[in-house]
Protein backbone atom coordinates (compact mmCIF):
# COMPACT_ATOMS: atom_id res chain seq x y z
CA MET A 1 4.91 1.30 25.27
CA ASN A 2 5.95 4.54 23.66
CA TYR A 3 6.54 4.13 19.98
CA PRO A 4 8.45 6.65 17.88
CA TRP A 5 6.29 9.31 16.28
CA HIS A 6 7.16 8.06 12.80
CA LEU A 7 5.47 4.72 13.48
CA TYR A 8 2.25 6.63 14.10
CA ALA A 9 2.92 8.64 10.93
CA MET A 10 3.22 5.38 8.99
CA GLY A 11 -0.02 4.11 10.47
CA LEU A 12 -1.83 7.33 9.54
CA MET A 13 -0.38 7.18 6.03
CA TYR A 14 -1.86 3.71 5.46
CA ILE A 15 -5.18 4.63 7.05
CA LEU A 16 -5.52 7.68 4.79
CA ALA A 17 -4.44 5.69 1.74
CA GLY A 18 -7.01 3.03 2.63
CA PHE A 19 -9.82 5.59 2.86
CA LEU A 20 -8.84 6.92 -0.57
CA HIS A 21 -9.72 3.48 -1.98
CA PHE A 22 -13.31 4.15 -0.89
CA LEU A 23 -13.39 7.83 -1.84
CA LYS A 24 -11.82 7.43 -5.30
CA PRO A 25 -12.22 3.75 -6.28
CA LYS A 26 -12.15 4.44 -10.02
CA MET A 27 -8.64 5.87 -9.71
CA TYR A 28 -7.45 2.58 -8.24
CA GLN A 29 -9.51 0.42 -10.61
CA ARG A 30 -7.74 2.05 -13.59
CA ILE A 31 -4.36 0.78 -12.44
CA MET A 32 -5.43 -2.78 -11.64
CA PRO A 33 -3.83 -5.42 -13.87
CA ARG A 34 -6.32 -6.78 -16.41
CA TYR A 35 -5.66 -10.37 -15.37
CA LEU A 36 -7.12 -9.76 -11.89
CA PRO A 37 -10.87 -10.33 -11.49
CA ASN A 38 -13.44 -7.99 -9.93
CA HIS A 39 -11.38 -4.82 -9.74
CA LYS A 40 -13.90 -2.90 -7.66
CA LEU A 41 -13.99 -5.57 -4.94
CA LEU A 42 -10.19 -5.83 -4.89
CA VAL A 43 -9.85 -2.06 -4.55
CA TYR A 44 -12.23 -2.05 -1.58
CA LEU A 45 -10.55 -5.07 0.04
CA SER A 46 -7.09 -3.57 -0.36
CA GLY A 47 -8.32 -0.27 1.09
CA LEU A 48 -9.86 -2.09 4.05
CA ALA A 49 -6.60 -4.00 4.56
CA GLU A 50 -4.61 -0.75 4.58
CA ILE A 51 -6.97 0.77 7.16
CA ILE A 52 -6.91 -2.28 9.45
CA LEU A 53 -3.14 -2.73 9.18
CA GLY A 54 -2.56 1.00 9.72
CA PHE A 55 -4.57 0.90 12.96
CA GLY A 56 -2.81 -2.34 13.89
CA LEU A 57 0.49 -0.45 14.08
CA PHE A 58 -0.80 1.59 17.03
CA PHE A 59 -1.16 -1.29 19.49
CA PRO A 60 1.62 -3.47 20.97
CA ALA A 61 -0.50 -6.63 20.69
CA THR A 62 -1.00 -6.20 16.93
CA LYS A 63 2.00 -4.14 15.78
CA ASP A 64 4.20 -7.01 14.56
CA LEU A 65 1.31 -8.75 12.81
CA ALA A 66 0.41 -5.44 11.14
CA VAL A 67 4.03 -4.97 10.03
CA TYR A 68 4.12 -8.44 8.46
CA GLY A 69 0.75 -7.77 6.82
CA LEU A 70 1.97 -4.48 5.37
CA ILE A 71 5.14 -6.09 4.04
CA LEU A 72 3.10 -8.83 2.36
CA MET A 73 0.67 -6.26 0.94
CA LEU A 74 3.51 -4.10 -0.39
CA ILE A 75 5.11 -7.11 -2.08
CA ILE A 76 1.78 -8.00 -3.70
CA PHE A 77 1.29 -4.38 -4.80
CA LEU A 78 4.60 -4.56 -6.70
CA SER A 79 2.68 -6.40 -9.43
CA VAL A 80 0.49 -3.31 -9.89
CA HIS A 81 3.53 -1.06 -10.18
CA PHE A 82 5.12 -3.29 -12.81
CA TYR A 83 1.80 -3.57 -14.65
CA MET A 84 1.57 0.22 -14.79
CA LEU A 85 4.90 0.24 -16.67
CA SER A 86 3.53 -2.13 -19.33
CA SER A 87 1.65 0.46 -21.40
CA THR A 88 0.56 4.09 -21.51
CA ARG A 89 -3.02 3.07 -20.71
CA ALA A 90 -1.94 0.98 -17.73
CA GLY A 91 0.17 3.90 -16.49
CA ALA A 92 -3.00 5.99 -16.11
CA GLY A 93 -1.31 9.09 -17.49
CA ILE A 94 1.46 9.11 -14.88
CA PRO A 95 4.85 10.00 -16.41
CA LYS A 96 7.13 6.99 -16.97
CA TRP A 97 9.87 8.44 -14.75
CA ALA A 98 7.41 8.65 -11.86
CA LEU A 99 6.29 5.06 -12.45
CA TRP A 100 9.92 3.93 -12.36
CA LEU A 101 10.49 5.85 -9.12
CA ARG A 102 7.61 3.99 -7.50
CA ILE A 103 9.55 0.70 -7.67
CA PRO A 104 12.40 1.75 -5.32
CA LEU A 105 9.84 3.64 -3.22
CA GLN A 106 7.98 0.36 -2.73
CA PHE A 107 11.17 -1.30 -1.50
CA PHE A 108 11.77 1.65 0.85
CA LEU A 109 8.25 1.22 2.26
CA ILE A 110 8.95 -2.49 2.83
CA TRP A 111 12.18 -1.63 4.65
CA TRP A 112 10.43 1.09 6.66
CA ALA A 113 7.82 -1.40 7.88
CA TRP A 114 10.49 -4.05 8.63
CA PHE A 115 12.39 -1.46 10.70
CA TYR A 116 9.57 -1.42 13.30
CA LEU A 117 9.88 -5.09 14.18
CA LYS A 118 12.69 -4.15 16.58
CA PHE A 119 10.46 -1.90 18.74
């Protein structure tokens, strides 16, 4: 089946983002909510999930499962975005306006993934 090019772009985006979890884990550990345990492990697991789900978008047999996995992951990641708004330290030096923009961006990413269930 021929998928639209932007589905492949989405897959590549998640694969690259997943690899960043392994290349720059401290960056991701800084934004993890304090109430979550073992930040390093969670960063690696979330990176691995992004890589697997990104590749899953490329194959008809796994595309829908990957879409549902990405939607679930993006919903879970909303807690990180809200946590980053809780204090200057949690925001990791990112301007407040940018942190606020990440919330609607997250909902856009959820919609974008949902859009591919029709293909």
